[in-house]
Amino acid sequence: MEEIEEQTLNLIRRSKDGALQSQIWKELGINSRQCSRIIRKLLDEGRVKRESVVTGGVRTYRISYCGKAGVSKYELLISGNVLDPCAGCIDDCNPSRCTRLNMWIMGLDVKS
């Protein structure tokens, strides 16, 4: 994932109720066309969803994080000799109920 896409996704993830697309491109210092292409890619990957909203008499989209996990730079961190998906994770979750962590644990190939 390119750096600007990662920044966009992180901005969306930090917004509990989703972020307005018009705010995203302004905050990231990019133009609306670039933002639309980035959002389209994230939509196609299933990482975000969008809904049409009207705010201040202007139509825009509210972009929300879906929680679908592709490989992010946070999941590639190593703890000792073991991949640790929680190291550096920015999700605000309870590890005992974390879907991403549980998926990682279930995927471990335990060798004796």
PDB file of N, CA and C in Angstrom:
ATOM      1  N   MET A   1       0.853  -1.173   0.000  1.00  0.00           N
ATOM      2  CA  MET A   1       0.000   0.000   0.000  1.00  0.00           C
ATOM      3  C   MET A   1       0.894   1.230   0.000  1.00  0.00           C
ATOM      4  N   GLU A   2       0.554   2.191  -0.831  1.00  0.00           N
ATOM      5  CA  GLU A   2       1.333   3.423  -0.890  1.00  0.00           C
ATOM      6  C   GLU A   2       1.143   4.235   0.388  1.00  0.00           C
ATOM      7  N   GLU A   3       2.097   5.112   0.645  1.00  0.00           N
ATOM      8  CA  GLU A   3       2.072   5.897   1.881  1.00  0.00           C
ATOM      9  C   GLU A   3       0.807   6.748   1.993  1.00  0.00           C
ATOM     10  N   ILE A   4       0.387   7.399   0.900  1.00  0.00           N
ATOM     11  CA  ILE A   4      -0.802   8.253   0.961  1.00  0.00           C
ATOM     12  C   ILE A   4      -2.059   7.423   1.213  1.00  0.00           C
ATOM     13  N   GLU A   5      -2.095   6.205   0.692  1.00  0.00           N
ATOM     14  CA  GLU A   5      -3.233   5.322   0.958  1.00  0.00           C
ATOM     15  C   GLU A   5      -3.244   4.903   2.425  1.00  0.00           C
ATOM     16  N   GLU A   6      -2.077   4.617   2.971  1.00  0.00           N
ATOM     17  CA  GLU A   6      -1.956   4.245   4.387  1.00  0.00           C
ATOM     18  C   GLU A   6      -2.388   5.419   5.267  1.00  0.00           C
ATOM     19  N   GLN A   7      -1.975   6.640   4.905  1.00  0.00           N
ATOM     20  CA  GLN A   7      -2.376   7.827   5.666  1.00  0.00           C
ATOM     21  C   GLN A   7      -3.881   8.017   5.613  1.00  0.00           C
ATOM     22  N   THR A   8      -4.462   7.801   4.433  1.00  0.00           N
ATOM     23  CA  THR A   8      -5.911   7.938   4.274  1.00  0.00           C
ATOM     24  C   THR A   8      -6.637   6.919   5.132  1.00  0.00           C
ATOM     25  N   LEU A   9      -6.207   5.679   5.076  1.00  0.00           N
ATOM     26  CA  LEU A   9      -6.844   4.626   5.861  1.00  0.00           C
ATOM     27  C   LEU A   9      -6.710   4.898   7.354  1.00  0.00           C
ATOM     28  N   ASN A  10      -5.558   5.353   7.791  1.00  0.00           N
ATOM     29  CA  ASN A  10      -5.359   5.662   9.215  1.00  0.00           C
ATOM     30  C   ASN A  10      -6.268   6.796   9.660  1.00  0.00           C
ATOM     31  N   LEU A  11      -6.427   7.809   8.809  1.00  0.00           N
ATOM     32  CA  LEU A  11      -7.310   8.932   9.138  1.00  0.00           C
ATOM     33  C   LEU A  11      -8.751   8.430   9.282  1.00  0.00           C
ATOM     34  N   ILE A  12      -9.178   7.562   8.378  1.00  0.00           N
ATOM     35  CA  ILE A  12     -10.530   7.006   8.435  1.00  0.00           C
ATOM     36  C   ILE A  12     -10.697   6.122   9.673  1.00  0.00           C
ATOM     37  N   ARG A  13      -9.690   5.324   9.977  1.00  0.00           N
ATOM     38  CA  ARG A  13      -9.764   4.424  11.140  1.00  0.00           C
ATOM     39  C   ARG A  13      -9.875   5.190  12.446  1.00  0.00           C
ATOM     40  N   ARG A  14      -9.245   6.353  12.530  1.00  0.00           N
ATOM     41  CA  ARG A  14      -9.284   7.161  13.754  1.00  0.00           C
ATOM     42  C   ARG A  14     -10.654   7.797  13.988  1.00  0.00           C
ATOM     43  N   SER A  15     -11.471   7.905  12.953  1.00  0.00           N
ATOM     44  CA  SER A  15     -12.778   8.552  13.059  1.00  0.00           C
ATOM     45  C   SER A  15     -13.837   7.526  13.414  1.00  0.00           C
ATOM     46  N   LYS A  16     -14.355   7.592  14.633  1.00  0.00           N
ATOM     47  CA  LYS A  16     -15.326   6.602  15.099  1.00  0.00           C
ATOM     48  C   LYS A  16     -16.544   6.507  14.187  1.00  0.00           C
ATOM     49  N   ASP A  17     -17.074   7.651  13.784  1.00  0.00           N
ATOM     50  CA  ASP A  17     -18.286   7.675  12.966  1.00  0.00           C
ATOM     51  C   ASP A  17     -17.974   7.817  11.477  1.00  0.00           C
ATOM     52  N   GLY A  18     -16.726   7.650  11.112  1.00  0.00           N
ATOM     53  CA  GLY A  18     -16.321   7.821   9.724  1.00  0.00           C
ATOM     54  C   GLY A  18     -15.911   9.260   9.455  1.00  0.00           C
ATOM     55  N   ALA A  19     -15.214   9.448   8.356  1.00  0.00           N
ATOM     56  CA  ALA A  19     -14.718  10.774   7.993  1.00  0.00           C
ATOM     57  C   ALA A  19     -15.380  11.228   6.704  1.00  0.00           C
ATOM     58  N   LEU A  20     -15.671  12.515   6.621  1.00  0.00           N
ATOM     59  CA  LEU A  20     -16.224  13.045   5.387  1.00  0.00           C
ATOM     60  C   LEU A  20     -15.129  13.090   4.332  1.00  0.00           C
ATOM     61  N   GLN A  21     -15.458  12.638   3.116  1.00  0.00           N
ATOM     62  CA  GLN A  21     -14.457  12.601   2.056  1.00  0.00           C
ATOM     63  C   GLN A  21     -13.902  14.002   1.796  1.00  0.00           C
ATOM     64  N   SER A  22     -14.749  15.019   1.877  1.00  0.00           N
ATOM     65  CA  SER A  22     -14.289  16.392   1.655  1.00  0.00           C
ATOM     66  C   SER A  22     -13.282  16.831   2.720  1.00  0.00           C
ATOM     67  N   GLN A  23     -13.403  16.290   3.932  1.00  0.00           N
ATOM     68  CA  GLN A  23     -12.443  16.606   4.987  1.00  0.00           C
ATOM     69  C   GLN A  23     -11.143  15.835   4.793  1.00  0.00           C
ATOM     70  N   ILE A  24     -11.245  14.620   4.275  1.00  0.00           N
ATOM     71  CA  ILE A  24     -10.062  13.774   4.091  1.00  0.00           C
ATOM     72  C   ILE A  24      -9.071  14.438   3.154  1.00  0.00           C
ATOM     73  N   TRP A  25      -9.544  14.867   1.974  1.00  0.00           N
ATOM     74  CA  TRP A  25      -8.589  15.440   1.012  1.00  0.00           C
ATOM     75  C   TRP A  25      -8.026  16.756   1.500  1.00  0.00           C
ATOM     76  N   LYS A  26      -8.814  17.517   2.232  1.00  0.00           N
ATOM     77  CA  LYS A  26      -8.300  18.783   2.772  1.00  0.00           C
ATOM     78  C   LYS A  26      -7.242  18.524   3.842  1.00  0.00           C
ATOM     79  N   GLU A  27      -7.520  17.577   4.739  1.00  0.00           N
ATOM     80  CA  GLU A  27      -6.577  17.269   5.822  1.00  0.00           C
ATOM     81  C   GLU A  27      -5.269  16.684   5.298  1.00  0.00           C
ATOM     82  N   LEU A  28      -5.362  15.873   4.237  1.00  0.00           N
ATOM     83  CA  LEU A  28      -4.160  15.245   3.682  1.00  0.00           C
ATOM     84  C   LEU A  28      -3.413  16.152   2.706  1.00  0.00           C
ATOM     85  N   GLY A  29      -4.015  17.286   2.343  1.00  0.00           N
ATOM     86  CA  GLY A  29      -3.350  18.214   1.427  1.00  0.00           C
ATOM     87  C   GLY A  29      -3.280  17.694  -0.003  1.00  0.00           C
ATOM     88  N   ILE A  30      -4.306  16.931  -0.410  1.00  0.00           N
ATOM     89  CA  ILE A  30      -4.364  16.426  -1.780  1.00  0.00           C
ATOM     90  C   ILE A  30      -5.620  16.999  -2.426  1.00  0.00           C
ATOM     91  N   ASN A  31      -5.756  16.837  -3.740  1.00  0.00           N
ATOM     92  CA  ASN A  31      -6.972  17.349  -4.377  1.00  0.00           C
ATOM     93  C   ASN A  31      -8.079  16.300  -4.324  1.00  0.00           C
ATOM     94  N   SER A  32      -9.302  16.744  -4.607  1.00  0.00           N
ATOM     95  CA  SER A  32     -10.460  15.852  -4.481  1.00  0.00           C
ATOM     96  C   SER A  32     -10.387  14.690  -5.455  1.00  0.00           C
ATOM     97  N   ARG A  33      -9.796  14.887  -6.614  1.00  0.00           N
ATOM     98  CA  ARG A  33      -9.674  13.812  -7.610  1.00  0.00           C
ATOM     99  C   ARG A  33      -8.754  12.701  -7.096  1.00  0.00           C
ATOM    100  N   GLN A  34      -7.606  13.093  -6.516  1.00  0.00           N
ATOM    101  CA  GLN A  34      -6.688  12.103  -5.931  1.00  0.00           C
ATOM    102  C   GLN A  34      -7.390  11.332  -4.815  1.00  0.00           C
ATOM    103  N   CYS A  35      -8.123  12.063  -3.987  1.00  0.00           N
ATOM    104  CA  CYS A  35      -8.821  11.436  -2.864  1.00  0.00           C
ATOM    105  C   CYS A  35      -9.845  10.429  -3.377  1.00  0.00           C
ATOM    106  N   SER A  36     -10.574  10.795  -4.421  1.00  0.00           N
ATOM    107  CA  SER A  36     -11.574   9.891  -4.986  1.00  0.00           C
ATOM    108  C   SER A  36     -10.939   8.596  -5.473  1.00  0.00           C
ATOM    109  N   ARG A  37      -9.774   8.693  -6.112  1.00  0.00           N
ATOM    110  CA  ARG A  37      -9.086   7.491  -6.600  1.00  0.00           C
ATOM    111  C   ARG A  37      -8.631   6.604  -5.440  1.00  0.00           C
ATOM    112  N   ILE A  38      -8.111   7.231  -4.387  1.00  0.00           N
ATOM    113  CA  ILE A  38      -7.661   6.474  -3.211  1.00  0.00           C
ATOM    114  C   ILE A  38      -8.856   5.779  -2.549  1.00  0.00           C
ATOM    115  N   ILE A  39      -9.949   6.521  -2.366  1.00  0.00           N
ATOM    116  CA  ILE A  39     -11.152   5.955  -1.744  1.00  0.00           C
ATOM    117  C   ILE A  39     -11.690   4.814  -2.597  1.00  0.00           C
ATOM    118  N   ARG A  40     -11.692   4.976  -3.916  1.00  0.00           N
ATOM    119  CA  ARG A  40     -12.163   3.911  -4.812  1.00  0.00           C
ATOM    120  C   ARG A  40     -11.338   2.642  -4.611  1.00  0.00           C
ATOM    121  N   LYS A  41     -10.019   2.793  -4.511  1.00  0.00           N
ATOM    122  CA  LYS A  41      -9.146   1.632  -4.316  1.00  0.00           C
ATOM    123  C   LYS A  41      -9.453   0.956  -2.976  1.00  0.00           C
ATOM    124  N   LEU A  42      -9.618   1.743  -1.920  1.00  0.00           N
ATOM    125  CA  LEU A  42      -9.933   1.195  -0.606  1.00  0.00           C
ATOM    126  C   LEU A  42     -11.308   0.524  -0.596  1.00  0.00           C
ATOM    127  N   LEU A  43     -12.262   1.091  -1.345  1.00  0.00           N
ATOM    128  CA  LEU A  43     -13.589   0.469  -1.480  1.00  0.00           C
ATOM    129  C   LEU A  43     -13.472  -0.872  -2.188  1.00  0.00           C
ATOM    130  N   ASP A  44     -12.731  -0.904  -3.286  1.00  0.00           N
ATOM    131  CA  ASP A  44     -12.556  -2.132  -4.059  1.00  0.00           C
ATOM    132  C   ASP A  44     -11.875  -3.228  -3.248  1.00  0.00           C
ATOM    133  N   GLU A  45     -10.984  -2.834  -2.330  1.00  0.00           N
ATOM    134  CA  GLU A  45     -10.287  -3.796  -1.476  1.00  0.00           C
ATOM    135  C   GLU A  45     -11.136  -4.219  -0.276  1.00  0.00           C
ATOM    136  N   GLY A  46     -12.294  -3.565  -0.093  1.00  0.00           N
ATOM    137  CA  GLY A  46     -13.170  -3.903   1.026  1.00  0.00           C
ATOM    138  C   GLY A  46     -12.709  -3.350   2.358  1.00  0.00           C
ATOM    139  N   ARG A  47     -11.807  -2.385   2.327  1.00  0.00           N
ATOM    140  CA  ARG A  47     -11.289  -1.818   3.586  1.00  0.00           C
ATOM    141  C   ARG A  47     -12.192  -0.731   4.155  1.00  0.00           C
ATOM    142  N   VAL A  48     -12.945  -0.047   3.284  1.00  0.00           N
ATOM    143  CA  VAL A  48     -13.826   1.029   3.720  1.00  0.00           C
ATOM    144  C   VAL A  48     -15.186   0.873   3.056  1.00  0.00           C
ATOM    145  N   LYS A  49     -16.167   1.570   3.615  1.00  0.00           N
ATOM    146  CA  LYS A  49     -17.484   1.679   2.981  1.00  0.00           C
ATOM    147  C   LYS A  49     -17.825   3.161   2.943  1.00  0.00           C
ATOM    148  N   ARG A  50     -18.767   3.521   2.061  1.00  0.00           N
ATOM    149  CA  ARG A  50     -19.135   4.933   1.992  1.00  0.00           C
ATOM    150  C   ARG A  50     -20.638   5.065   1.892  1.00  0.00           C
ATOM    151  N   GLU A  51     -21.115   6.185   2.422  1.00  0.00           N
ATOM    152  CA  GLU A  51     -22.529   6.507   2.337  1.00  0.00           C
ATOM    153  C   GLU A  51     -22.649   7.973   1.956  1.00  0.00           C
ATOM    154  N   SER A  52     -23.614   8.270   1.128  1.00  0.00           N
ATOM    155  CA  SER A  52     -23.844   9.638   0.686  1.00  0.00           C
ATOM    156  C   SER A  52     -24.496  10.424   1.820  1.00  0.00           C
ATOM    157  N   VAL A  53     -23.986  11.621   2.102  1.00  0.00           N
ATOM    158  CA  VAL A  53     -24.543  12.491   3.134  1.00  0.00           C
ATOM    159  C   VAL A  53     -24.571  13.919   2.606  1.00  0.00           C
ATOM    160  N   VAL A  54     -25.420  14.734   3.208  1.00  0.00           N
ATOM    161  CA  VAL A  54     -25.466  16.156   2.888  1.00  0.00           C
ATOM    162  C   VAL A  54     -25.087  16.904   4.153  1.00  0.00           C
ATOM    163  N   THR A  55     -24.067  17.728   4.052  1.00  0.00           N
ATOM    164  CA  THR A  55     -23.639  18.519   5.204  1.00  0.00           C
ATOM    165  C   THR A  55     -23.430  19.963   4.745  1.00  0.00           C
ATOM    166  N   GLY A  56     -24.083  20.882   5.434  1.00  0.00           N
ATOM    167  CA  GLY A  56     -23.990  22.291   5.055  1.00  0.00           C
ATOM    168  C   GLY A  56     -24.541  22.547   3.662  1.00  0.00           C
ATOM    169  N   GLY A  57     -25.526  21.744   3.248  1.00  0.00           N
ATOM    170  CA  GLY A  57     -26.124  21.907   1.927  1.00  0.00           C
ATOM    171  C   GLY A  57     -25.293  21.340   0.782  1.00  0.00           C
ATOM    172  N   VAL A  58     -24.183  20.665   1.109  1.00  0.00           N
ATOM    173  CA  VAL A  58     -23.291  20.104   0.093  1.00  0.00           C
ATOM    174  C   VAL A  58     -23.281  18.589   0.218  1.00  0.00           C
ATOM    175  N   ARG A  59     -23.397  17.905  -0.929  1.00  0.00           N
ATOM    176  CA  ARG A  59     -23.355  16.438  -0.927  1.00  0.00           C
ATOM    177  C   ARG A  59     -21.906  15.971  -0.883  1.00  0.00           C
ATOM    178  N   THR A  60     -21.642  15.034   0.000  1.00  0.00           N
ATOM    179  CA  THR A  60     -20.319  14.422   0.104  1.00  0.00           C
ATOM    180  C   THR A  60     -20.531  12.973   0.556  1.00  0.00           C
ATOM    181  N   TYR A  61     -19.453  12.285   0.843  1.00  0.00           N
ATOM    182  CA  TYR A  61     -19.547  10.911   1.319  1.00  0.00           C
ATOM    183  C   TYR A  61     -18.930  10.792   2.700  1.00  0.00           C
ATOM    184  N   ARG A  62     -19.567   9.951   3.530  1.00  0.00           N
ATOM    185  CA  ARG A  62     -18.978   9.581   4.819  1.00  0.00           C
ATOM    186  C   ARG A  62     -18.280   8.248   4.584  1.00  0.00           C
ATOM    187  N   ILE A  63     -16.975   8.225   4.855  1.00  0.00           N
ATOM    188  CA  ILE A  63     -16.165   7.041   4.637  1.00  0.00           C
ATOM    189  C   ILE A  63     -15.893   6.398   5.995  1.00  0.00           C
ATOM    190  N   SER A  64     -16.213   5.110   6.109  1.00  0.00           N
ATOM    191  CA  SER A  64     -16.037   4.386   7.370  1.00  0.00           C
ATOM    192  C   SER A  64     -15.143   3.175   7.158  1.00  0.00           C
ATOM    193  N   TYR A  65     -14.369   2.859   8.171  1.00  0.00           N
ATOM    194  CA  TYR A  65     -13.466   1.710   8.134  1.00  0.00           C
ATOM    195  C   TYR A  65     -14.270   0.431   8.313  1.00  0.00           C
ATOM    196  N   CYS A  66     -13.997  -0.567   7.496  1.00  0.00           N
ATOM    197  CA  CYS A  66     -14.717  -1.851   7.559  1.00  0.00           C
ATOM    198  C   CYS A  66     -14.050  -2.864   8.460  1.00  0.00           C
ATOM    199  N   GLY A  67     -12.791  -2.665   8.770  1.00  0.00           N
ATOM    200  CA  GLY A  67     -12.096  -3.627   9.607  1.00  0.00           C
ATOM    201  C   GLY A  67     -11.596  -4.829   8.851  1.00  0.00           C
ATOM    202  N   LYS A  68     -11.725  -4.820   7.532  1.00  0.00           N
ATOM    203  CA  LYS A  68     -11.192  -5.924   6.744  1.00  0.00           C
ATOM    204  C   LYS A  68      -9.687  -5.802   6.733  1.00  0.00           C
ATOM    205  N   ALA A  69      -9.014  -6.884   6.950  1.00  0.00           N
ATOM    206  CA  ALA A  69      -7.573  -6.840   7.094  1.00  0.00           C
ATOM    207  C   ALA A  69      -6.863  -7.338   5.862  1.00  0.00           C
ATOM    208  N   GLY A  70      -6.199  -6.416   5.212  1.00  0.00           N
ATOM    209  CA  GLY A  70      -5.194  -6.794   4.244  1.00  0.00           C
ATOM    210  C   GLY A  70      -3.908  -6.772   5.050  1.00  0.00           C
ATOM    211  N   VAL A  71      -2.796  -6.961   4.470  1.00  0.00           N
ATOM    212  CA  VAL A  71      -1.552  -6.898   5.224  1.00  0.00           C
ATOM    213  C   VAL A  71      -1.165  -5.440   5.349  1.00  0.00           C
ATOM    214  N   SER A  72      -1.058  -4.962   6.554  1.00  0.00           N
ATOM    215  CA  SER A  72      -0.605  -3.596   6.781  1.00  0.00           C
ATOM    216  C   SER A  72       0.798  -3.637   7.356  1.00  0.00           C
ATOM    217  N   LYS A  73       1.443  -2.490   7.358  1.00  0.00           N
ATOM    218  CA  LYS A  73       2.803  -2.470   7.884  1.00  0.00           C
ATOM    219  C   LYS A  73       2.838  -2.846   9.364  1.00  0.00           C
ATOM    220  N   TYR A  74       1.709  -2.710  10.086  1.00  0.00           N
ATOM    221  CA  TYR A  74       1.677  -3.064  11.498  1.00  0.00           C
ATOM    222  C   TYR A  74       1.702  -4.574  11.695  1.00  0.00           C
ATOM    223  N   GLU A  75       1.122  -5.311  10.743  1.00  0.00           N
ATOM    224  CA  GLU A  75       1.092  -6.757  10.865  1.00  0.00           C
ATOM    225  C   GLU A  75       2.418  -7.393  10.490  1.00  0.00           C
ATOM    226  N   LEU A  76       3.326  -6.617   9.939  1.00  0.00           N
ATOM    227  CA  LEU A  76       4.602  -7.161   9.509  1.00  0.00           C
ATOM    228  C   LEU A  76       5.703  -6.991  10.548  1.00  0.00           C
ATOM    229  N   LEU A  77       5.344  -6.486  11.729  1.00  0.00           N
ATOM    230  CA  LEU A  77       6.349  -6.281  12.773  1.00  0.00           C
ATOM    231  C   LEU A  77       6.699  -7.596  13.450  1.00  0.00           C
ATOM    232  N   ILE A  78       7.927  -7.684  13.867  1.00  0.00           N
ATOM    233  CA  ILE A  78       8.426  -8.903  14.495  1.00  0.00           C
ATOM    234  C   ILE A  78       8.662  -8.645  15.979  1.00  0.00           C
ATOM    235  N   SER A  79       8.286  -9.605  16.792  1.00  0.00           N
ATOM    236  CA  SER A  79       8.572  -9.563  18.211  1.00  0.00           C
ATOM    237  C   SER A  79       9.431 -10.784  18.511  1.00  0.00           C
ATOM    238  N   GLY A  80      10.717 -10.572  18.732  1.00  0.00           N
ATOM    239  CA  GLY A  80      11.640 -11.696  18.869  1.00  0.00           C
ATOM    240  C   GLY A  80      11.739 -12.382  17.529  1.00  0.00           C
ATOM    241  N   ASN A  81      11.519 -13.683  17.507  1.00  0.00           N
ATOM    242  CA  ASN A  81      11.507 -14.427  16.247  1.00  0.00           C
ATOM    243  C   ASN A  81      10.087 -14.712  15.778  1.00  0.00           C
ATOM    244  N   VAL A  82       9.095 -14.082  16.403  1.00  0.00           N
ATOM    245  CA  VAL A  82       7.702 -14.371  16.107  1.00  0.00           C
ATOM    246  C   VAL A  82       7.009 -13.111  15.583  1.00  0.00           C
ATOM    247  N   LEU A  83       6.215 -13.294  14.533  1.00  0.00           N
ATOM    248  CA  LEU A  83       5.406 -12.200  14.020  1.00  0.00           C
ATOM    249  C   LEU A  83       4.377 -11.832  15.076  1.00  0.00           C
ATOM    250  N   ASP A  84       4.323 -10.584  15.443  1.00  0.00           N
ATOM    251  CA  ASP A  84       3.390 -10.126  16.465  1.00  0.00           C
ATOM    252  C   ASP A  84       2.428  -9.123  15.861  1.00  0.00           C
ATOM    253  N   PRO A  85       1.174  -9.497  15.576  1.00  0.00           N
ATOM    254  CA  PRO A  85       0.238  -8.587  14.933  1.00  0.00           C
ATOM    255  C   PRO A  85      -0.208  -7.427  15.827  1.00  0.00           C
ATOM    256  N   CYS A  86       0.038  -7.509  17.124  1.00  0.00           N
ATOM    257  CA  CYS A  86      -0.377  -6.432  18.027  1.00  0.00           C
ATOM    258  C   CYS A  86       0.668  -5.322  18.153  1.00  0.00           C
ATOM    259  N   ALA A  87       1.921  -5.630  17.874  1.00  0.00           N
ATOM    260  CA  ALA A  87       2.976  -4.616  18.014  1.00  0.00           C
ATOM    261  C   ALA A  87       2.730  -3.494  17.020  1.00  0.00           C
ATOM    262  N   GLY A  88       2.514  -2.315  17.523  1.00  0.00           N
ATOM    263  CA  GLY A  88       2.306  -1.152  16.679  1.00  0.00           C
ATOM    264  C   GLY A  88       0.888  -1.007  16.158  1.00  0.00           C
ATOM    265  N   CYS A  89      -0.016  -1.899  16.523  1.00  0.00           N
ATOM    266  CA  CYS A  89      -1.396  -1.841  16.038  1.00  0.00           C
ATOM    267  C   CYS A  89      -2.067  -0.576  16.566  1.00  0.00           C
ATOM    268  N   ILE A  90      -2.832   0.082  15.710  1.00  0.00           N
ATOM    269  CA  ILE A  90      -3.516   1.311  16.138  1.00  0.00           C
ATOM    270  C   ILE A  90      -4.986   1.079  16.450  1.00  0.00           C
ATOM    271  N   ASP A  91      -5.454  -0.186  16.328  1.00  0.00           N
ATOM    272  CA  ASP A  91      -6.839  -0.481  16.685  1.00  0.00           C
ATOM    273  C   ASP A  91      -7.006  -0.355  18.184  1.00  0.00           C
ATOM    274  N   ASP A  92      -8.107   0.220  18.593  1.00  0.00           N
ATOM    275  CA  ASP A  92      -8.420   0.348  20.011  1.00  0.00           C
ATOM    276  C   ASP A  92      -9.334  -0.817  20.364  1.00  0.00           C
ATOM    277  N   CYS A  93      -8.724  -1.938  20.755  1.00  0.00           N
ATOM    278  CA  CYS A  93      -9.527  -3.134  20.984  1.00  0.00           C
ATOM    279  C   CYS A  93      -9.074  -3.856  22.246  1.00  0.00           C
ATOM    280  N   ASN A  94      -9.847  -4.861  22.598  1.00  0.00           N
ATOM    281  CA  ASN A  94      -9.527  -5.743  23.701  1.00  0.00           C
ATOM    282  C   ASN A  94      -8.914  -6.992  23.083  1.00  0.00           C
ATOM    283  N   PRO A  95      -7.641  -7.305  23.345  1.00  0.00           N
ATOM    284  CA  PRO A  95      -7.001  -8.452  22.712  1.00  0.00           C
ATOM    285  C   PRO A  95      -7.762  -9.771  22.851  1.00  0.00           C
ATOM    286  N   SER A  96      -8.504  -9.948  23.943  1.00  0.00           N
ATOM    287  CA  SER A  96      -9.242 -11.202  24.102  1.00  0.00           C
ATOM    288  C   SER A  96     -10.414 -11.315  23.133  1.00  0.00           C
ATOM    289  N   ARG A  97     -10.813 -10.197  22.537  1.00  0.00           N
ATOM    290  CA  ARG A  97     -11.916 -10.210  21.571  1.00  0.00           C
ATOM    291  C   ARG A  97     -11.512  -9.663  20.211  1.00  0.00           C
ATOM    292  N   CYS A  98     -10.230  -9.560  19.936  1.00  0.00           N
ATOM    293  CA  CYS A  98      -9.737  -8.978  18.688  1.00  0.00           C
ATOM    294  C   CYS A  98      -9.810 -10.010  17.554  1.00  0.00           C
ATOM    295  N   THR A  99     -10.593  -9.719  16.548  1.00  0.00           N
ATOM    296  CA  THR A  99     -10.759 -10.625  15.416  1.00  0.00           C
ATOM    297  C   THR A  99      -9.437 -10.850  14.699  1.00  0.00           C
ATOM    298  N   ARG A 100      -8.685  -9.787  14.472  1.00  0.00           N
ATOM    299  CA  ARG A 100      -7.415  -9.906  13.760  1.00  0.00           C
ATOM    300  C   ARG A 100      -6.432 -10.791  14.530  1.00  0.00           C
ATOM    301  N   LEU A 101      -6.362 -10.603  15.836  1.00  0.00           N
ATOM    302  CA  LEU A 101      -5.454 -11.408  16.653  1.00  0.00           C
ATOM    303  C   LEU A 101      -5.896 -12.868  16.655  1.00  0.00           C
ATOM    304  N   ASN A 102      -7.194 -13.105  16.812  1.00  0.00           N
ATOM    305  CA  ASN A 102      -7.700 -14.478  16.809  1.00  0.00           C
ATOM    306  C   ASN A 102      -7.441 -15.168  15.470  1.00  0.00           C
ATOM    307  N   MET A 103      -7.595 -14.439  14.362  1.00  0.00           N
ATOM    308  CA  MET A 103      -7.316 -15.011  13.044  1.00  0.00           C
ATOM    309  C   MET A 103      -5.824 -15.380  12.936  1.00  0.00           C
ATOM    310  N   TRP A 104      -4.974 -14.522  13.484  1.00  0.00           N
ATOM    311  CA  TRP A 104      -3.530 -14.783  13.446  1.00  0.00           C
ATOM    312  C   TRP A 104      -3.198 -16.037  14.262  1.00  0.00           C
ATOM    313  N   ILE A 105      -3.765 -16.138  15.451  1.00  0.00           N
ATOM    314  CA  ILE A 105      -3.509 -17.285  16.315  1.00  0.00           C
ATOM    315  C   ILE A 105      -3.980 -18.574  15.656  1.00  0.00           C
ATOM    316  N   MET A 106      -5.160 -18.542  15.058  1.00  0.00           N
ATOM    317  CA  MET A 106      -5.700 -19.733  14.402  1.00  0.00           C
ATOM    318  C   MET A 106      -4.865 -20.144  13.196  1.00  0.00           C
ATOM    319  N   GLY A 107      -4.151 -19.185  12.617  1.00  0.00           N
ATOM    320  CA  GLY A 107      -3.322 -19.479  11.451  1.00  0.00           C
ATOM    321  C   GLY A 107      -1.909 -19.920  11.779  1.00  0.00           C
ATOM    322  N   LEU A 108      -1.562 -19.961  13.067  1.00  0.00           N
ATOM    323  CA  LEU A 108      -0.213 -20.382  13.444  1.00  0.00           C
ATOM    324  C   LEU A 108       0.013 -21.854  13.098  1.00  0.00           C
ATOM    325  N   ASP A 109       1.151 -22.128  12.564  1.00  0.00           N
ATOM    326  CA  ASP A 109       1.522 -23.506  12.269  1.00  0.00           C
ATOM    327  C   ASP A 109       2.406 -23.969  13.413  1.00  0.00           C
ATOM    328  N   VAL A 110       1.814 -24.667  14.356  1.00  0.00           N
ATOM    329  CA  VAL A 110       2.538 -25.089  15.550  1.00  0.00           C
ATOM    330  C   VAL A 110       3.412 -26.290  15.203  1.00  0.00           C
ATOM    331  N   LYS A 111       4.723 -26.114  15.387  1.00  0.00           N
ATOM    332  CA  LYS A 111       5.676 -27.201  15.119  1.00  0.00           C
ATOM    333  C   LYS A 111       6.329 -27.623  16.417  1.00  0.00           C
ATOM    334  N   SER A 112       6.370 -28.919  16.655  1.00  0.00           N
ATOM    335  CA  SER A 112       6.962 -29.426  17.900  1.00  0.00           C
ATOM    336  C   SER A 112       8.423 -29.706  17.703  1.00  0.00           C
TER     337      SER A 112
END
